Amino acid sequence: MDIATQSIVGGFADPVFNAQSVFRAVMDAMARPGTMQSLPVFARPPLPLSAGSGAIALALCDNDTPLWLDPTLQASAAVKSWLGFHSGAPEANTPADAHFALIATPAEMMSLDGFSQGTQDYPDRSTTLILQVSDLVSGAPLSLEGPGIESTATIAPAQMPRHFVEQWRQNNQRFPRGVDVILATPDGIACLPRTTRIKTMET
């Protein structure tokens, strides 16, 4: 299949219904940090963009939301063409210009402070990061606290950056500025809004 064909196929079969379903899953995951929300396979983007990440991008991105791709995704002309065709989102020149960022290899991700942090007056102008992870159970266990969590929650996303917890602590300190994170797995999504506090757990 050539790039032109790949860019056209694999989008939402029912754009309105599919986008609403994905948006609802993201909002539920943001409201209850660390909980897994199921996400049917609504999109089939070219690899290495995952089905979950692709669906989230199509639901959240449009021609007013610059999108940044990590080097792994940037190297794929098929992925760039597919996202451009189905979402209309312009490519961000730098991570700091992005409203959304797609990260195929989180372990190699740049520091969180390299993305847009928003401003005190407009904290919503920060970057939302969409990280592709294989699962939420095989990584280092993390304890979550904060709004939307009754006491504590535990999550162990795979392939996370080595110094993620320290970077997240700094992210908390920038509140109301700071980034939010969506973790996209093959089975669904979980979210880490900037209000969530994260600690490592002894294993």
Protein backbone atom coordinates (compact mmCIF):
# COMPACT_ATOMS: atom_id res chain seq x y z
CA MET A 1 0.00 0.00 0.00
CA ASP A 2 1.49 3.35 -1.01
CA ILE A 3 1.61 6.45 1.20
CA ALA A 4 -1.24 8.16 -0.62
CA THR A 5 -3.52 5.20 0.02
CA GLN A 6 -2.40 4.83 3.65
CA SER A 7 -3.25 8.47 4.29
CA ILE A 8 -6.86 7.97 3.22
CA VAL A 9 -7.83 4.64 4.78
CA GLY A 10 -8.13 3.80 8.47
CA GLY A 11 -9.95 6.90 9.71
CA PHE A 12 -13.19 7.01 11.69
CA ALA A 13 -15.98 5.06 9.98
CA ASP A 14 -18.54 7.27 11.76
CA PRO A 15 -16.64 10.52 12.45
CA VAL A 16 -19.21 12.13 14.75
CA PHE A 17 -20.08 9.05 16.84
CA ASN A 18 -16.50 7.77 17.02
CA ALA A 19 -15.08 11.17 18.00
CA GLN A 20 -17.73 11.58 20.70
CA SER A 21 -16.97 8.12 22.11
CA VAL A 22 -13.22 8.78 22.25
CA PHE A 23 -13.73 12.25 23.75
CA ARG A 24 -15.99 10.80 26.44
CA ALA A 25 -13.39 8.15 27.32
CA VAL A 26 -10.69 10.82 27.61
CA MET A 27 -12.87 13.02 29.83
CA ASP A 28 -13.76 10.07 32.08
CA ALA A 29 -10.08 9.13 32.36
CA MET A 30 -9.13 12.73 33.20
CA ALA A 31 -11.85 12.89 35.86
CA ARG A 32 -10.62 9.66 37.48
CA PRO A 33 -6.82 9.66 37.13
CA GLY A 34 -5.16 6.28 36.90
CA THR A 35 -8.31 4.36 35.94
CA MET A 36 -8.40 2.45 32.68
CA GLN A 37 -11.10 3.47 30.24
CA SER A 38 -11.76 1.04 27.41
CA LEU A 39 -11.42 2.33 23.88
CA PRO A 40 -12.72 0.33 20.91
CA VAL A 41 -10.59 0.24 17.77
CA PHE A 42 -12.15 3.13 15.90
CA ALA A 43 -9.09 3.98 13.80
CA ARG A 44 -6.35 2.03 12.05
CA PRO A 45 -3.46 4.42 11.42
CA PRO A 46 -0.16 3.46 9.81
CA LEU A 47 2.46 2.06 12.15
CA PRO A 48 4.20 3.05 14.34
CA LEU A 49 1.20 5.18 15.39
CA SER A 50 -1.05 2.98 17.51
CA ALA A 51 -4.79 2.61 17.06
CA GLY A 52 -5.49 4.27 20.41
CA SER A 53 -3.18 7.21 19.83
CA GLY A 54 -4.56 7.68 16.34
CA ALA A 55 -8.14 7.71 17.58
CA ILE A 56 -7.32 10.22 20.31
CA ALA A 57 -5.60 12.47 17.80
CA LEU A 58 -8.60 12.37 15.45
CA ALA A 59 -11.00 13.14 18.30
CA LEU A 60 -9.04 15.99 19.87
CA CYS A 61 -7.05 17.62 17.07
CA ASP A 62 -8.19 19.96 14.32
CA ASN A 63 -6.80 22.72 12.17
CA ASP A 64 -6.46 25.02 15.19
CA THR A 65 -4.37 22.63 17.31
CA PRO A 66 -0.71 22.31 16.28
CA LEU A 67 0.49 18.72 16.69
CA TRP A 68 4.04 17.63 17.46
CA LEU A 69 5.36 14.15 16.67
CA ASP A 70 8.31 12.54 18.41
CA PRO A 71 11.26 11.49 16.21
CA THR A 72 9.91 7.95 15.74
CA LEU A 73 6.62 9.22 14.32
CA GLN A 74 8.25 12.15 12.55
CA ALA A 75 10.27 9.67 10.51
CA SER A 76 7.11 8.11 9.04
CA ALA A 77 5.76 9.95 6.01
CA ALA A 78 2.68 7.70 6.13
CA VAL A 79 1.85 8.72 9.71
CA LYS A 80 2.28 12.42 8.96
CA SER A 81 0.12 12.15 5.86
CA TRP A 82 -2.58 10.17 7.68
CA LEU A 83 -2.80 12.65 10.54
CA GLY A 84 -2.88 15.59 8.18
CA PHE A 85 -5.62 14.06 6.05
CA HIS A 86 -7.90 12.88 8.87
CA SER A 87 -7.38 15.57 11.54
CA GLY A 88 -6.28 18.64 9.60
CA ALA A 89 -3.95 19.51 12.47
CA PRO A 90 -0.92 21.57 11.43
CA GLU A 91 2.51 20.28 12.37
CA ALA A 92 4.01 22.18 15.32
CA ASN A 93 7.46 23.62 14.62
CA THR A 94 8.67 22.84 18.14
CA PRO A 95 7.30 20.97 21.19
CA ALA A 96 6.71 24.34 22.86
CA ASP A 97 4.33 25.30 20.03
CA ALA A 98 2.22 22.16 20.30
CA HIS A 99 -1.27 21.84 21.71
CA PHE A 100 -0.91 18.07 21.47
CA ALA A 101 2.13 15.81 21.22
CA LEU A 102 2.18 12.18 20.06
CA ILE A 103 4.93 10.12 21.65
CA ALA A 104 5.60 6.63 20.27
CA THR A 105 8.71 6.01 22.42
CA PRO A 106 8.08 7.53 25.87
CA ALA A 107 11.31 6.13 27.31
CA GLU A 108 13.21 8.46 24.96
CA MET A 109 10.92 11.44 25.44
CA MET A 110 12.36 14.87 26.07
CA SER A 111 11.79 16.57 29.43
CA LEU A 112 8.25 17.67 30.21
CA ASP A 113 9.34 21.29 30.61
CA GLY A 114 10.26 21.38 26.91
CA PHE A 115 6.58 21.35 25.98
CA SER A 116 4.21 24.29 26.24
CA GLN A 117 3.31 24.95 29.88
CA GLY A 118 0.54 27.44 29.18
CA THR A 119 0.44 30.77 31.00
CA GLN A 120 -0.97 31.91 34.33
CA ASP A 121 -3.85 33.56 32.48
CA TYR A 122 -4.29 30.77 29.92
CA PRO A 123 -3.13 27.50 31.49
CA ASP A 124 -5.21 25.56 28.96
CA ARG A 125 -2.72 26.53 26.26
CA SER A 126 -0.29 23.91 27.52
CA THR A 127 0.56 20.71 25.64
CA THR A 128 -1.39 17.51 26.21
CA LEU A 129 0.96 14.55 25.72
CA ILE A 130 -0.36 11.30 24.25
CA LEU A 131 2.06 8.52 25.20
CA GLN A 132 1.94 5.08 23.59
CA VAL A 133 2.63 2.41 26.23
CA SER A 134 2.24 -1.35 25.98
CA ASP A 135 0.38 -1.68 29.28
CA LEU A 136 -0.25 -0.10 32.69
CA VAL A 137 1.00 -2.95 34.87
CA SER A 138 4.55 -3.94 33.92
CA GLY A 139 6.39 -0.69 34.63
CA ALA A 140 7.54 0.85 37.91
CA PRO A 141 4.54 1.09 40.27
CA LEU A 142 3.39 4.65 40.91
CA SER A 143 1.11 5.88 43.69
CA LEU A 144 -1.35 8.58 42.62
CA GLU A 145 -3.15 11.13 44.78
CA GLY A 146 -5.20 14.22 44.08
CA PRO A 147 -8.56 15.34 42.68
CA GLY A 148 -10.70 12.51 41.32
CA ILE A 149 -8.91 9.88 43.46
CA GLU A 150 -10.69 8.81 46.65
CA SER A 151 -7.51 8.04 48.59
CA THR A 152 -4.77 6.62 46.39
CA ALA A 153 -4.55 4.80 43.07
CA THR A 154 -1.77 2.65 41.68
CA ILE A 155 -0.60 2.49 38.10
CA ALA A 156 2.53 0.98 36.54
CA PRO A 157 2.80 2.18 32.93
CA ALA A 158 5.48 0.51 30.84
CA GLN A 159 8.24 2.31 28.91
CA MET A 160 8.09 5.57 30.86
CA PRO A 161 11.01 8.03 30.97
CA ARG A 162 13.60 7.25 33.63
CA HIS A 163 13.13 10.51 35.52
CA PHE A 164 9.41 10.89 34.96
CA VAL A 165 8.41 11.11 38.63
CA GLU A 166 10.84 13.96 39.34
CA GLN A 167 9.76 15.75 36.18
CA TRP A 168 6.13 15.32 37.23
CA ARG A 169 6.86 16.79 40.65
CA GLN A 170 8.18 19.88 38.91
CA ASN A 171 5.10 19.84 36.69
CA ASN A 172 2.91 19.96 39.82
CA GLN A 173 4.85 22.95 41.11
CA ARG A 174 4.01 24.96 37.99
CA PHE A 175 0.25 24.68 38.61
CA PRO A 176 -2.04 26.05 37.18
CA ARG A 177 0.44 25.79 34.33
CA GLY A 178 1.84 22.40 33.29
CA VAL A 179 1.21 19.52 30.92
CA ASP A 180 -1.39 16.75 31.07
CA VAL A 181 -0.70 13.18 29.97
CA ILE A 182 -2.86 10.58 28.22
CA LEU A 183 -1.51 7.02 28.33
CA ALA A 184 -2.70 5.02 25.32
CA THR A 185 -2.48 1.22 25.56
CA PRO A 186 -3.79 -1.45 23.17
CA ASP A 187 -6.71 -1.98 25.57
CA GLY A 188 -7.68 1.56 26.47
CA ILE A 189 -6.47 4.77 28.04
CA ALA A 190 -5.60 6.29 31.40
CA CYS A 191 -4.86 9.91 32.19
CA LEU A 192 -2.55 11.90 34.44
CA PRO A 193 -3.89 15.45 34.70
CA ARG A 194 -1.50 18.07 36.06
CA THR A 195 -3.34 18.08 39.41
CA THR A 196 -2.35 14.47 40.12
CA ARG A 197 0.51 13.90 42.54
CA ILE A 198 2.76 10.92 41.80
CA LYS A 199 5.12 9.02 44.09
CA THR A 200 7.23 5.96 43.48
CA MET A 201 6.35 2.80 45.38
CA GLU A 202 8.62 0.25 46.96
CA THR A 203 8.42 -3.05 45.10
